[in-house]
Amino acid sequence: LSCAASGSIFTIRDMGWYRQAPGKQRELVAVI
């Protein structure tokens, strides 16, 4: 998976991925 940020940004701190399966709450997968 890829995720590219664009727009008016001074600095990006943490970046991460969450996931949500049917019938479940959104959960953290990984953060960097």
ModelCIF file with pLDDT and N, C-alpha, C, O atoms, coordinates in Angstrom:
data_MODEL
#
_entry.id   MODEL 
#
_entity.id                         1 
_entity.type                       polymer 
_entity.pdbx_number_of_molecules   1 
#
_entity_poly.entity_id                      1 
_entity_poly.type                           'polypeptide(L)' 
_entity_poly.nstd_linkage                   no 
_entity_poly.nstd_monomer                   no 
_entity_poly.pdbx_seq_one_letter_code       LSCAASGSIFTIRDMGWYRQAPGKQRELVAVI 
_entity_poly.pdbx_seq_one_letter_code_can   LSCAASGSIFTIRDMGWYRQAPGKQRELVAVI 
_entity_poly.pdbx_strand_id                 A 
#
loop_
_entity_poly_seq.entity_id 
_entity_poly_seq.num 
_entity_poly_seq.mon_id 
_entity_poly_seq.hetero 
1 1  LEU n 
1 2  SER n 
1 3  CYS n 
1 4  ALA n 
1 5  ALA n 
1 6  SER n 
1 7  GLY n 
1 8  SER n 
1 9  ILE n 
1 10 PHE n 
1 11 THR n 
1 12 ILE n 
1 13 ARG n 
1 14 ASP n 
1 15 MET n 
1 16 GLY n 
1 17 TRP n 
1 18 TYR n 
1 19 ARG n 
1 20 GLN n 
1 21 ALA n 
1 22 PRO n 
1 23 GLY n 
1 24 LYS n 
1 25 GLN n 
1 26 ARG n 
1 27 GLU n 
1 28 LEU n 
1 29 VAL n 
1 30 ALA n 
1 31 VAL n 
1 32 ILE n 
#
_struct_asym.id          A 
_struct_asym.entity_id   1 
#
loop_
_ma_qa_metric.id 
_ma_qa_metric.mode 
_ma_qa_metric.name 
_ma_qa_metric.software_group_id 
_ma_qa_metric.type 
1 global pLDDT . pLDDT 
2 local  pLDDT . pLDDT 
#
_ma_qa_metric_global.metric_id      1 
_ma_qa_metric_global.metric_value   95.50 
_ma_qa_metric_global.model_id       1 
_ma_qa_metric_global.ordinal_id     1 
#
loop_
_ma_qa_metric_local.label_asym_id 
_ma_qa_metric_local.label_comp_id 
_ma_qa_metric_local.label_seq_id 
_ma_qa_metric_local.metric_id 
_ma_qa_metric_local.metric_value 
_ma_qa_metric_local.model_id 
_ma_qa_metric_local.ordinal_id 
A LEU 1  2 98.00 1 1  
A SER 2  2 98.00 1 2  
A CYS 3  2 97.00 1 3  
A ALA 4  2 97.00 1 4  
A ALA 5  2 96.00 1 5  
A SER 6  2 95.00 1 6  
A GLY 7  2 92.00 1 7  
A SER 8  2 89.00 1 8  
A ILE 9  2 89.00 1 9  
A PHE 10 2 90.00 1 10 
A THR 11 2 92.00 1 11 
A ILE 12 2 94.00 1 12 
A ARG 13 2 95.00 1 13 
A ASP 14 2 96.00 1 14 
A MET 15 2 96.00 1 15 
A GLY 16 2 97.00 1 16 
A TRP 17 2 98.00 1 17 
A TYR 18 2 98.00 1 18 
A ARG 19 2 98.00 1 19 
A GLN 20 2 98.00 1 20 
A ALA 21 2 96.00 1 21 
A PRO 22 2 91.00 1 22 
A GLY 23 2 93.00 1 23 
A LYS 24 2 95.00 1 24 
A GLN 25 2 96.00 1 25 
A ARG 26 2 96.00 1 26 
A GLU 27 2 97.00 1 27 
A LEU 28 2 97.00 1 28 
A VAL 29 2 98.00 1 29 
A ALA 30 2 98.00 1 30 
A VAL 31 2 98.00 1 31 
A ILE 32 2 98.00 1 32 
#
loop_
_atom_site.group_PDB 
_atom_site.id 
_atom_site.type_symbol 
_atom_site.label_atom_id 
_atom_site.label_alt_id 
_atom_site.label_comp_id 
_atom_site.label_asym_id 
_atom_site.label_entity_id 
_atom_site.label_seq_id 
_atom_site.pdbx_PDB_ins_code 
_atom_site.Cartn_x 
_atom_site.Cartn_y 
_atom_site.Cartn_z 
_atom_site.occupancy 
_atom_site.B_iso_or_equiv 
_atom_site.pdbx_formal_charge 
_atom_site.auth_seq_id 
_atom_site.auth_comp_id 
_atom_site.auth_asym_id 
_atom_site.auth_atom_id 
_atom_site.pdbx_PDB_model_num 
ATOM 1   N N  . LEU A 1 1  ? 0.825   -1.191 0.000  1.00 98.00 ? 1  LEU A N  1 
ATOM 2   C CA . LEU A 1 1  ? 0.000   0.000  0.000  1.00 98.00 ? 1  LEU A CA 1 
ATOM 3   C C  . LEU A 1 1  ? 0.868   1.253  0.000  1.00 98.00 ? 1  LEU A C  1 
ATOM 4   O O  . LEU A 1 1  ? 1.950   1.269  0.586  1.00 98.00 ? 1  LEU A O  1 
ATOM 5   N N  . SER A 1 2  ? 0.385   2.302  -0.662 1.00 98.00 ? 2  SER A N  1 
ATOM 6   C CA . SER A 1 2  ? 1.067   3.586  -0.691 1.00 98.00 ? 2  SER A CA 1 
ATOM 7   C C  . SER A 1 2  ? 0.092   4.686  -0.316 1.00 98.00 ? 2  SER A C  1 
ATOM 8   O O  . SER A 1 2  ? -1.105  4.584  -0.585 1.00 98.00 ? 2  SER A O  1 
ATOM 9   N N  . CYS A 1 3  ? 0.606   5.735  0.305  1.00 97.00 ? 3  CYS A N  1 
ATOM 10  C CA . CYS A 1 3  ? -0.197  6.899  0.658  1.00 97.00 ? 3  CYS A CA 1 
ATOM 11  C C  . CYS A 1 3  ? 0.666   8.135  0.501  1.00 97.00 ? 3  CYS A C  1 
ATOM 12  O O  . CYS A 1 3  ? 1.674   8.286  1.191  1.00 97.00 ? 3  CYS A O  1 
ATOM 13  N N  . ALA A 1 4  ? 0.272   9.018  -0.404 1.00 97.00 ? 4  ALA A N  1 
ATOM 14  C CA . ALA A 1 4  ? 1.018   10.237 -0.686 1.00 97.00 ? 4  ALA A CA 1 
ATOM 15  C C  . ALA A 1 4  ? 0.248   11.454 -0.199 1.00 97.00 ? 4  ALA A C  1 
ATOM 16  O O  . ALA A 1 4  ? -0.937  11.609 -0.497 1.00 97.00 ? 4  ALA A O  1 
ATOM 17  N N  . ALA A 1 5  ? 0.920   12.312 0.547  1.00 96.00 ? 5  ALA A N  1 
ATOM 18  C CA . ALA A 1 5  ? 0.323   13.540 1.061  1.00 96.00 ? 5  ALA A CA 1 
ATOM 19  C C  . ALA A 1 5  ? 0.723   14.720 0.183  1.00 96.00 ? 5  ALA A C  1 
ATOM 20  O O  . ALA A 1 5  ? 1.858   14.803 -0.285 1.00 96.00 ? 5  ALA A O  1 
ATOM 21  N N  . SER A 1 6  ? -0.218  15.627 -0.032 1.00 95.00 ? 6  SER A N  1 
ATOM 22  C CA . SER A 1 6  ? 0.055   16.824 -0.809 1.00 95.00 ? 6  SER A CA 1 
ATOM 23  C C  . SER A 1 6  ? -0.725  17.993 -0.221 1.00 95.00 ? 6  SER A C  1 
ATOM 24  O O  . SER A 1 6  ? -1.649  17.801 0.569  1.00 95.00 ? 6  SER A O  1 
ATOM 25  N N  . GLY A 1 7  ? -0.346  19.195 -0.610 1.00 92.00 ? 7  GLY A N  1 
ATOM 26  C CA . GLY A 1 7  ? -1.006  20.389 -0.123 1.00 92.00 ? 7  GLY A CA 1 
ATOM 27  C C  . GLY A 1 7  ? -0.061  21.279 0.655  1.00 92.00 ? 7  GLY A C  1 
ATOM 28  O O  . GLY A 1 7  ? 1.157   21.204 0.492  1.00 92.00 ? 7  GLY A O  1 
ATOM 29  N N  . SER A 1 8  ? -0.628  22.119 1.501  1.00 89.00 ? 8  SER A N  1 
ATOM 30  C CA . SER A 1 8  ? 0.149   23.069 2.290  1.00 89.00 ? 8  SER A CA 1 
ATOM 31  C C  . SER A 1 8  ? 0.646   22.379 3.557  1.00 89.00 ? 8  SER A C  1 
ATOM 32  O O  . SER A 1 8  ? -0.089  22.258 4.537  1.00 89.00 ? 8  SER A O  1 
ATOM 33  N N  . ILE A 1 9  ? 1.906   21.928 3.528  1.00 89.00 ? 9  ILE A N  1 
ATOM 34  C CA . ILE A 1 9  ? 2.505   21.173 4.625  1.00 89.00 ? 9  ILE A CA 1 
ATOM 35  C C  . ILE A 1 9  ? 3.836   21.800 5.006  1.00 89.00 ? 9  ILE A C  1 
ATOM 36  O O  . ILE A 1 9  ? 4.695   22.029 4.154  1.00 89.00 ? 9  ILE A O  1 
ATOM 37  N N  . PHE A 1 10 ? 3.998   22.075 6.292  1.00 90.00 ? 10 PHE A N  1 
ATOM 38  C CA . PHE A 1 10 ? 5.281   22.557 6.788  1.00 90.00 ? 10 PHE A CA 1 
ATOM 39  C C  . PHE A 1 10 ? 6.208   21.374 7.064  1.00 90.00 ? 10 PHE A C  1 
ATOM 40  O O  . PHE A 1 10 ? 7.326   21.322 6.551  1.00 90.00 ? 10 PHE A O  1 
ATOM 41  N N  . THR A 1 11 ? 5.735   20.419 7.882  1.00 92.00 ? 11 THR A N  1 
ATOM 42  C CA . THR A 1 11 ? 6.483   19.211 8.196  1.00 92.00 ? 11 THR A CA 1 
ATOM 43  C C  . THR A 1 11 ? 5.496   18.110 8.559  1.00 92.00 ? 11 THR A C  1 
ATOM 44  O O  . THR A 1 11 ? 4.503   18.372 9.238  1.00 92.00 ? 11 THR A O  1 
ATOM 45  N N  . ILE A 1 12 ? 5.755   16.883 8.116  1.00 94.00 ? 12 ILE A N  1 
ATOM 46  C CA . ILE A 1 12 ? 4.959   15.740 8.526  1.00 94.00 ? 12 ILE A CA 1 
ATOM 47  C C  . ILE A 1 12 ? 5.632   15.053 9.706  1.00 94.00 ? 12 ILE A C  1 
ATOM 48  O O  . ILE A 1 12 ? 6.820   14.737 9.651  1.00 94.00 ? 12 ILE A O  1 
ATOM 49  N N  . ARG A 1 13 ? 4.877   14.824 10.767 1.00 95.00 ? 13 ARG A N  1 
ATOM 50  C CA . ARG A 1 13 ? 5.372   14.092 11.930 1.00 95.00 ? 13 ARG A CA 1 
ATOM 51  C C  . ARG A 1 13 ? 5.130   12.597 11.720 1.00 95.00 ? 13 ARG A C  1 
ATOM 52  O O  . ARG A 1 13 ? 5.716   12.000 10.816 1.00 95.00 ? 13 ARG A O  1 
ATOM 53  N N  . ASP A 1 14 ? 4.273   11.984 12.543 1.00 96.00 ? 14 ASP A N  1 
ATOM 54  C CA . ASP A 1 14 ? 4.000   10.556 12.400 1.00 96.00 ? 14 ASP A CA 1 
ATOM 55  C C  . ASP A 1 14 ? 3.114   10.271 11.189 1.00 96.00 ? 14 ASP A C  1 
ATOM 56  O O  . ASP A 1 14 ? 2.265   11.083 10.824 1.00 96.00 ? 14 ASP A O  1 
ATOM 57  N N  . MET A 1 15 ? 3.323   9.103  10.569 1.00 96.00 ? 15 MET A N  1 
ATOM 58  C CA . MET A 1 15 ? 2.470   8.587  9.508  1.00 96.00 ? 15 MET A CA 1 
ATOM 59  C C  . MET A 1 15 ? 2.108   7.152  9.868  1.00 96.00 ? 15 MET A C  1 
ATOM 60  O O  . MET A 1 15 ? 2.931   6.425  10.424 1.00 96.00 ? 15 MET A O  1 
ATOM 61  N N  . GLY A 1 16 ? 0.879   6.739  9.554  1.00 97.00 ? 16 GLY A N  1 
ATOM 62  C CA . GLY A 1 16 ? 0.481   5.397  9.939  1.00 97.00 ? 16 GLY A CA 1 
ATOM 63  C C  . GLY A 1 16 ? -0.652  4.842  9.117  1.00 97.00 ? 16 GLY A C  1 
ATOM 64  O O  . GLY A 1 16 ? -1.215  5.513  8.252  1.00 97.00 ? 16 GLY A O  1 
ATOM 65  N N  . TRP A 1 17 ? -0.977  3.579  9.414  1.00 98.00 ? 17 TRP A N  1 
ATOM 66  C CA . TRP A 1 17 ? -2.058  2.856  8.765  1.00 98.00 ? 17 TRP A CA 1 
ATOM 67  C C  . TRP A 1 17 ? -2.998  2.286  9.805  1.00 98.00 ? 17 TRP A C  1 
ATOM 68  O O  . TRP A 1 17 ? -2.562  1.706  10.799 1.00 98.00 ? 17 TRP A O  1 
ATOM 69  N N  . TYR A 1 18 ? -4.294  2.455  9.571  1.00 98.00 ? 18 TYR A N  1 
ATOM 70  C CA . TYR A 1 18 ? -5.354  1.853  10.356 1.00 98.00 ? 18 TYR A CA 1 
ATOM 71  C C  . TYR A 1 18 ? -6.190  0.977  9.442  1.00 98.00 ? 18 TYR A C  1 
ATOM 72  O O  . TYR A 1 18 ? -6.141  1.130  8.222  1.00 98.00 ? 18 TYR A O  1 
ATOM 73  N N  . ARG A 1 19 ? -6.960  0.059  10.019 1.00 98.00 ? 19 ARG A N  1 
ATOM 74  C CA . ARG A 1 19 ? -7.850  -0.762 9.211  1.00 98.00 ? 19 ARG A CA 1 
ATOM 75  C C  . ARG A 1 19 ? -9.162  -0.984 9.946  1.00 98.00 ? 19 ARG A C  1 
ATOM 76  O O  . ARG A 1 19 ? -9.223  -0.932 11.175 1.00 98.00 ? 19 ARG A O  1 
ATOM 77  N N  . GLN A 1 20 ? -10.210 -1.233 9.166  1.00 98.00 ? 20 GLN A N  1 
ATOM 78  C CA . GLN A 1 20 ? -11.531 -1.483 9.724  1.00 98.00 ? 20 GLN A CA 1 
ATOM 79  C C  . GLN A 1 20 ? -12.205 -2.594 8.931  1.00 98.00 ? 20 GLN A C  1 
ATOM 80  O O  . GLN A 1 20 ? -12.459 -2.448 7.735  1.00 98.00 ? 20 GLN A O  1 
ATOM 81  N N  . ALA A 1 21 ? -12.493 -3.705 9.603  1.00 96.00 ? 21 ALA A N  1 
ATOM 82  C CA . ALA A 1 21 ? -13.182 -4.830 9.009  1.00 96.00 ? 21 ALA A CA 1 
ATOM 83  C C  . ALA A 1 21 ? -14.673 -4.716 9.302  1.00 96.00 ? 21 ALA A C  1 
ATOM 84  O O  . ALA A 1 21 ? -15.061 -4.036 10.251 1.00 96.00 ? 21 ALA A O  1 
ATOM 85  N N  . PRO A 1 22 ? -15.519 -5.374 8.501  1.00 91.00 ? 22 PRO A N  1 
ATOM 86  C CA . PRO A 1 22 ? -16.964 -5.328 8.756  1.00 91.00 ? 22 PRO A CA 1 
ATOM 87  C C  . PRO A 1 22 ? -17.302 -5.785 10.162 1.00 91.00 ? 22 PRO A C  1 
ATOM 88  O O  . PRO A 1 22 ? -16.835 -6.833 10.608 1.00 91.00 ? 22 PRO A O  1 
ATOM 89  N N  . GLY A 1 23 ? -18.112 -5.005 10.860 1.00 93.00 ? 23 GLY A N  1 
ATOM 90  C CA . GLY A 1 23 ? -18.523 -5.344 12.207 1.00 93.00 ? 23 GLY A CA 1 
ATOM 91  C C  . GLY A 1 23 ? -17.508 -5.075 13.286 1.00 93.00 ? 23 GLY A C  1 
ATOM 92  O O  . GLY A 1 23 ? -17.745 -5.418 14.444 1.00 93.00 ? 23 GLY A O  1 
ATOM 93  N N  . LYS A 1 24 ? -16.369 -4.465 12.947 1.00 95.00 ? 24 LYS A N  1 
ATOM 94  C CA . LYS A 1 24 ? -15.321 -4.195 13.922 1.00 95.00 ? 24 LYS A CA 1 
ATOM 95  C C  . LYS A 1 24 ? -14.982 -2.710 13.958 1.00 95.00 ? 24 LYS A C  1 
ATOM 96  O O  . LYS A 1 24 ? -15.281 -1.966 13.025 1.00 95.00 ? 24 LYS A O  1 
ATOM 97  N N  . GLN A 1 25 ? -14.352 -2.295 15.052 1.00 96.00 ? 25 GLN A N  1 
ATOM 98  C CA . GLN A 1 25 ? -13.884 -0.927 15.183 1.00 96.00 ? 25 GLN A CA 1 
ATOM 99  C C  . GLN A 1 25 ? -12.578 -0.735 14.415 1.00 96.00 ? 25 GLN A C  1 
ATOM 100 O O  . GLN A 1 25 ? -11.845 -1.692 14.164 1.00 96.00 ? 25 GLN A O  1 
ATOM 101 N N  . ARG A 1 26 ? -12.301 0.509  14.047 1.00 96.00 ? 26 ARG A N  1 
ATOM 102 C CA . ARG A 1 26 ? -11.045 0.815  13.387 1.00 96.00 ? 26 ARG A CA 1 
ATOM 103 C C  . ARG A 1 26 ? -9.885  0.602  14.363 1.00 96.00 ? 26 ARG A C  1 
ATOM 104 O O  . ARG A 1 26 ? -9.960  1.014  15.521 1.00 96.00 ? 26 ARG A O  1 
ATOM 105 N N  . GLU A 1 27 ? -8.812  -0.045 13.894 1.00 97.00 ? 27 GLU A N  1 
ATOM 106 C CA . GLU A 1 27 ? -7.681  -0.358 14.744 1.00 97.00 ? 27 GLU A CA 1 
ATOM 107 C C  . GLU A 1 27 ? -6.368  0.080  14.103 1.00 97.00 ? 27 GLU A C  1 
ATOM 108 O O  . GLU A 1 27 ? -6.242  0.128  12.880 1.00 97.00 ? 27 GLU A O  1 
ATOM 109 N N  . LEU A 1 28 ? -5.404  0.396  14.947 1.00 97.00 ? 28 LEU A N  1 
ATOM 110 C CA . LEU A 1 28 ? -4.069  0.760  14.476 1.00 97.00 ? 28 LEU A CA 1 
ATOM 111 C C  . LEU A 1 28 ? -3.354  -0.474 13.938 1.00 97.00 ? 28 LEU A C  1 
ATOM 112 O O  . LEU A 1 28 ? -3.350  -1.526 14.577 1.00 97.00 ? 28 LEU A O  1 
ATOM 113 N N  . VAL A 1 29 ? -2.751  -0.340 12.765 1.00 98.00 ? 29 VAL A N  1 
ATOM 114 C CA . VAL A 1 29 ? -1.940  -1.402 12.172 1.00 98.00 ? 29 VAL A CA 1 
ATOM 115 C C  . VAL A 1 29 ? -0.459  -1.132 12.406 1.00 98.00 ? 29 VAL A C  1 
ATOM 116 O O  . VAL A 1 29 ? 0.261   -1.993 12.912 1.00 98.00 ? 29 VAL A O  1 
ATOM 117 N N  . ALA A 1 30 ? -0.008  0.062  12.038 1.00 98.00 ? 30 ALA A N  1 
ATOM 118 C CA . ALA A 1 30 ? 1.391   0.429  12.192 1.00 98.00 ? 30 ALA A CA 1 
ATOM 119 C C  . ALA A 1 30 ? 1.526   1.941  12.126 1.00 98.00 ? 30 ALA A C  1 
ATOM 120 O O  . ALA A 1 30 ? 0.712   2.615  11.494 1.00 98.00 ? 30 ALA A O  1 
ATOM 121 N N  . VAL A 1 31 ? 2.550   2.473  12.777 1.00 98.00 ? 31 VAL A N  1 
ATOM 122 C CA . VAL A 1 31 ? 2.855   3.897  12.732 1.00 98.00 ? 31 VAL A CA 1 
ATOM 123 C C  . VAL A 1 31 ? 4.366   4.059  12.645 1.00 98.00 ? 31 VAL A C  1 
ATOM 124 O O  . VAL A 1 31 ? 5.119   3.251  13.190 1.00 98.00 ? 31 VAL A O  1 
ATOM 125 N N  . ILE A 1 32 ? 4.801   5.108  11.956 1.00 98.00 ? 32 ILE A N  1 
ATOM 126 C CA . ILE A 1 32 ? 6.227   5.345  11.779 1.00 98.00 ? 32 ILE A CA 1 
ATOM 127 C C  . ILE A 1 32 ? 6.526   6.820  12.000 1.00 98.00 ? 32 ILE A C  1 
ATOM 128 O O  . ILE A 1 32 ? 7.679   7.239  11.898 1.00 98.00 ? 32 ILE A O  1 
#
